[in-house]
N, C-alpha and C. Protein backbone atom coordinates (compact mmCIF):
# COMPACT_ATOMS: atom_id res chain seq x y z
N UNK A 1 -116.36 -61.72 61.23
CA UNK A 1 -117.08 -62.88 60.72
C UNK A 1 -116.46 -63.30 59.39
N UNK A 2 -116.33 -64.57 59.20
CA UNK A 2 -115.72 -65.12 57.99
C UNK A 2 -116.68 -65.03 56.80
N UNK A 3 -116.12 -64.80 55.63
CA UNK A 3 -116.93 -64.71 54.42
C UNK A 3 -117.20 -66.08 53.82
N UNK A 4 -116.48 -67.09 54.26
CA UNK A 4 -116.63 -68.42 53.68
C UNK A 4 -118.03 -68.98 53.85
N UNK A 5 -118.67 -68.91 55.04
CA UNK A 5 -120.03 -69.44 55.16
C UNK A 5 -121.02 -68.71 54.24
N UNK A 6 -120.89 -67.40 54.11
CA UNK A 6 -121.78 -66.64 53.24
C UNK A 6 -121.57 -67.06 51.79
N UNK A 7 -120.32 -67.20 51.39
CA UNK A 7 -120.02 -67.59 50.02
C UNK A 7 -120.54 -68.99 49.73
N UNK A 8 -120.36 -69.91 50.67
CA UNK A 8 -120.84 -71.28 50.50
C UNK A 8 -122.36 -71.31 50.36
N UNK A 9 -123.03 -70.54 51.20
CA UNK A 9 -124.48 -70.48 51.13
C UNK A 9 -124.94 -69.94 49.79
N UNK A 10 -124.31 -68.86 49.33
CA UNK A 10 -124.69 -68.27 48.05
C UNK A 10 -124.42 -69.23 46.88
N UNK A 11 -123.31 -69.94 46.94
CA UNK A 11 -122.99 -70.89 45.89
C UNK A 11 -124.01 -72.03 45.84
N UNK A 12 -124.36 -72.57 46.99
CA UNK A 12 -125.36 -73.64 47.05
C UNK A 12 -126.72 -73.13 46.58
N UNK A 13 -127.06 -71.93 46.99
CA UNK A 13 -128.33 -71.33 46.56
C UNK A 13 -128.37 -71.15 45.05
N UNK A 14 -127.28 -70.66 44.47
CA UNK A 14 -127.22 -70.43 43.03
C UNK A 14 -127.33 -71.75 42.25
N UNK A 15 -126.62 -72.76 42.69
CA UNK A 15 -126.69 -74.07 42.02
C UNK A 15 -128.10 -74.64 42.10
N UNK A 16 -128.72 -74.54 43.26
CA UNK A 16 -130.09 -75.03 43.43
C UNK A 16 -131.05 -74.26 42.55
N UNK A 17 -130.88 -72.95 42.50
CA UNK A 17 -131.75 -72.10 41.67
C UNK A 17 -131.64 -72.47 40.20
N UNK A 18 -130.43 -72.67 39.71
CA UNK A 18 -130.23 -73.03 38.30
C UNK A 18 -130.84 -74.40 38.01
N UNK A 19 -130.66 -75.35 38.92
CA UNK A 19 -131.24 -76.68 38.75
C UNK A 19 -132.76 -76.59 38.68
N UNK A 20 -133.37 -75.85 39.60
CA UNK A 20 -134.82 -75.72 39.62
C UNK A 20 -135.33 -74.98 38.40
N UNK A 21 -134.60 -74.00 37.95
CA UNK A 21 -134.99 -73.25 36.76
C UNK A 21 -134.97 -74.15 35.53
N UNK A 22 -133.93 -74.95 35.38
CA UNK A 22 -133.86 -75.88 34.25
C UNK A 22 -134.99 -76.91 34.32
N UNK A 23 -135.31 -77.36 35.51
CA UNK A 23 -136.38 -78.33 35.68
C UNK A 23 -137.73 -77.70 35.35
N UNK A 24 -137.95 -76.49 35.81
CA UNK A 24 -139.21 -75.80 35.56
C UNK A 24 -139.40 -75.50 34.08
N UNK A 25 -138.34 -75.13 33.41
CA UNK A 25 -138.42 -74.82 31.99
C UNK A 25 -138.55 -76.11 31.18
N UNK A 26 -138.06 -77.19 31.70
CA UNK A 26 -138.13 -78.46 31.01
C UNK A 26 -136.94 -78.71 30.09
N UNK A 27 -135.85 -78.02 30.34
CA UNK A 27 -134.67 -78.17 29.51
C UNK A 27 -133.90 -79.43 29.92
N UNK A 28 -133.35 -80.10 28.94
CA UNK A 28 -132.53 -81.28 29.17
C UNK A 28 -131.08 -80.95 28.85
N UNK A 29 -130.18 -81.34 29.72
CA UNK A 29 -128.75 -81.12 29.52
C UNK A 29 -128.13 -82.44 29.06
N UNK A 30 -127.49 -82.40 27.88
CA UNK A 30 -126.87 -83.60 27.31
C UNK A 30 -125.48 -83.21 26.82
N UNK A 31 -124.50 -84.05 27.12
CA UNK A 31 -123.15 -83.79 26.65
C UNK A 31 -123.13 -83.84 25.12
N UNK A 32 -122.45 -82.90 24.52
CA UNK A 32 -122.41 -82.79 23.07
C UNK A 32 -121.81 -84.04 22.43
N UNK A 33 -122.43 -84.47 21.35
CA UNK A 33 -121.93 -85.64 20.61
C UNK A 33 -120.96 -85.22 19.51
N UNK A 34 -120.93 -83.93 19.18
CA UNK A 34 -120.06 -83.47 18.09
C UNK A 34 -118.84 -82.70 18.57
N UNK A 35 -118.80 -82.34 19.83
CA UNK A 35 -117.66 -81.58 20.39
C UNK A 35 -116.60 -82.57 20.85
N UNK A 36 -115.36 -82.30 20.48
CA UNK A 36 -114.25 -83.16 20.89
C UNK A 36 -113.20 -82.33 21.63
N UNK A 37 -112.68 -82.87 22.71
CA UNK A 37 -111.65 -82.18 23.47
C UNK A 37 -112.22 -81.26 24.53
N UNK A 38 -111.33 -80.43 25.06
CA UNK A 38 -111.70 -79.51 26.14
C UNK A 38 -112.51 -78.34 25.59
N UNK A 39 -113.53 -77.95 26.30
CA UNK A 39 -114.38 -76.84 25.91
C UNK A 39 -113.81 -75.55 26.49
N UNK A 40 -113.27 -74.71 25.64
CA UNK A 40 -112.66 -73.45 26.10
C UNK A 40 -113.50 -72.24 25.75
N UNK A 41 -114.41 -72.37 24.81
CA UNK A 41 -115.21 -71.24 24.36
C UNK A 41 -116.70 -71.56 24.44
N UNK A 42 -117.40 -71.00 25.43
CA UNK A 42 -118.84 -71.24 25.53
C UNK A 42 -119.61 -70.78 24.28
N UNK A 43 -119.13 -69.72 23.62
CA UNK A 43 -119.83 -69.24 22.43
C UNK A 43 -119.69 -70.23 21.27
N UNK A 44 -118.52 -70.86 21.13
CA UNK A 44 -118.35 -71.87 20.09
C UNK A 44 -119.18 -73.11 20.40
N UNK A 45 -119.22 -73.49 21.66
CA UNK A 45 -120.04 -74.62 22.09
C UNK A 45 -121.51 -74.34 21.79
N UNK A 46 -121.97 -73.14 22.10
CA UNK A 46 -123.35 -72.74 21.85
C UNK A 46 -123.68 -72.83 20.37
N UNK A 47 -122.79 -72.30 19.53
CA UNK A 47 -123.02 -72.31 18.08
C UNK A 47 -123.06 -73.74 17.54
N UNK A 48 -122.14 -74.58 18.00
CA UNK A 48 -122.10 -75.97 17.52
C UNK A 48 -123.36 -76.72 17.95
N UNK A 49 -123.79 -76.51 19.19
CA UNK A 49 -125.00 -77.19 19.67
C UNK A 49 -126.21 -76.76 18.85
N UNK A 50 -126.31 -75.48 18.54
CA UNK A 50 -127.46 -74.99 17.78
C UNK A 50 -127.41 -75.43 16.33
N UNK A 51 -126.24 -75.35 15.72
CA UNK A 51 -126.14 -75.64 14.29
C UNK A 51 -126.09 -77.13 13.97
N UNK A 52 -125.30 -77.88 14.69
CA UNK A 52 -125.10 -79.29 14.35
C UNK A 52 -126.00 -80.26 15.09
N UNK A 53 -126.40 -79.87 16.32
CA UNK A 53 -127.20 -80.81 17.12
C UNK A 53 -128.63 -80.34 17.32
N UNK A 54 -128.98 -79.20 16.71
CA UNK A 54 -130.33 -78.65 16.76
C UNK A 54 -130.82 -78.44 18.20
N UNK A 55 -129.90 -78.02 19.06
CA UNK A 55 -130.24 -77.73 20.45
C UNK A 55 -130.63 -76.26 20.58
N UNK A 56 -131.23 -75.93 21.70
CA UNK A 56 -131.63 -74.55 21.97
C UNK A 56 -130.44 -73.72 22.41
N UNK A 57 -129.53 -74.35 23.15
CA UNK A 57 -128.42 -73.62 23.76
C UNK A 57 -127.29 -74.60 24.06
N UNK A 58 -126.09 -74.09 24.21
CA UNK A 58 -124.95 -74.92 24.61
C UNK A 58 -123.96 -74.10 25.41
N UNK A 59 -123.26 -74.74 26.32
CA UNK A 59 -122.24 -74.05 27.11
C UNK A 59 -121.26 -75.06 27.68
N UNK A 60 -120.15 -74.55 28.21
CA UNK A 60 -119.11 -75.40 28.79
C UNK A 60 -119.39 -75.62 30.28
N UNK A 61 -119.15 -76.84 30.74
CA UNK A 61 -119.28 -77.17 32.16
C UNK A 61 -118.08 -77.98 32.61
N UNK A 62 -117.74 -77.82 33.87
CA UNK A 62 -116.64 -78.58 34.45
C UNK A 62 -115.50 -77.65 34.85
N UNK A 63 -114.63 -78.16 35.68
CA UNK A 63 -113.51 -77.35 36.14
C UNK A 63 -112.22 -77.80 35.47
N UNK A 64 -111.79 -79.00 35.74
CA UNK A 64 -110.57 -79.51 35.13
C UNK A 64 -110.84 -80.13 33.76
N UNK A 65 -111.97 -80.79 33.64
CA UNK A 65 -112.32 -81.48 32.39
C UNK A 65 -113.55 -80.81 31.80
N UNK A 66 -113.37 -79.61 31.28
CA UNK A 66 -114.49 -78.86 30.71
C UNK A 66 -115.00 -79.52 29.44
N UNK A 67 -116.28 -79.76 29.41
CA UNK A 67 -116.93 -80.39 28.27
C UNK A 67 -118.07 -79.49 27.80
N UNK A 68 -118.45 -79.67 26.55
CA UNK A 68 -119.55 -78.92 25.95
C UNK A 68 -120.86 -79.67 26.21
N UNK A 69 -121.84 -78.97 26.73
CA UNK A 69 -123.16 -79.54 26.99
C UNK A 69 -124.20 -78.77 26.21
N UNK A 70 -125.12 -79.51 25.60
CA UNK A 70 -126.20 -78.92 24.82
C UNK A 70 -127.50 -79.02 25.61
N UNK A 71 -128.36 -78.03 25.44
CA UNK A 71 -129.65 -77.99 26.13
C UNK A 71 -130.78 -78.10 25.11
N UNK A 72 -131.69 -79.02 25.38
CA UNK A 72 -132.83 -79.27 24.51
C UNK A 72 -134.12 -78.96 25.25
N UNK A 73 -135.16 -78.58 24.51
CA UNK A 73 -136.45 -78.29 25.14
C UNK A 73 -137.11 -79.57 25.64
N UNK A 74 -137.01 -80.63 24.88
CA UNK A 74 -137.62 -81.90 25.27
C UNK A 74 -136.53 -82.93 25.51
N UNK A 75 -136.73 -83.73 26.54
CA UNK A 75 -135.78 -84.78 26.85
C UNK A 75 -136.06 -85.98 25.96
N UNK A 76 -135.15 -86.25 25.06
CA UNK A 76 -135.29 -87.38 24.14
C UNK A 76 -134.19 -88.38 24.49
N UNK A 77 -134.55 -89.64 24.72
CA UNK A 77 -133.50 -90.62 25.03
C UNK A 77 -132.49 -90.71 23.88
N UNK A 78 -131.22 -90.70 24.23
CA UNK A 78 -130.16 -90.77 23.24
C UNK A 78 -129.73 -92.22 23.09
N UNK A 79 -129.77 -92.74 21.87
CA UNK A 79 -129.34 -94.11 21.66
C UNK A 79 -127.83 -94.18 21.61
N UNK A 80 -127.26 -95.22 22.18
CA UNK A 80 -125.81 -95.35 22.25
C UNK A 80 -125.19 -95.81 20.97
């Protein structure tokens, strides 16, 4: 039996679980306004989000174009 279907199922399950967890907690994911360039260090992204943007947490997302995303407890509309 091929491992690909099992891996695909687990990946979809994990993504769905994370999405539902973020929704249940009420966290908002917003791309960092102070981070520039490719996000290579999740710990640096986390520190910048907490210190400069007053977010709860921050981490890198993406495959080819990794960007820093900050997580907030309340969803506040961001003015452009």
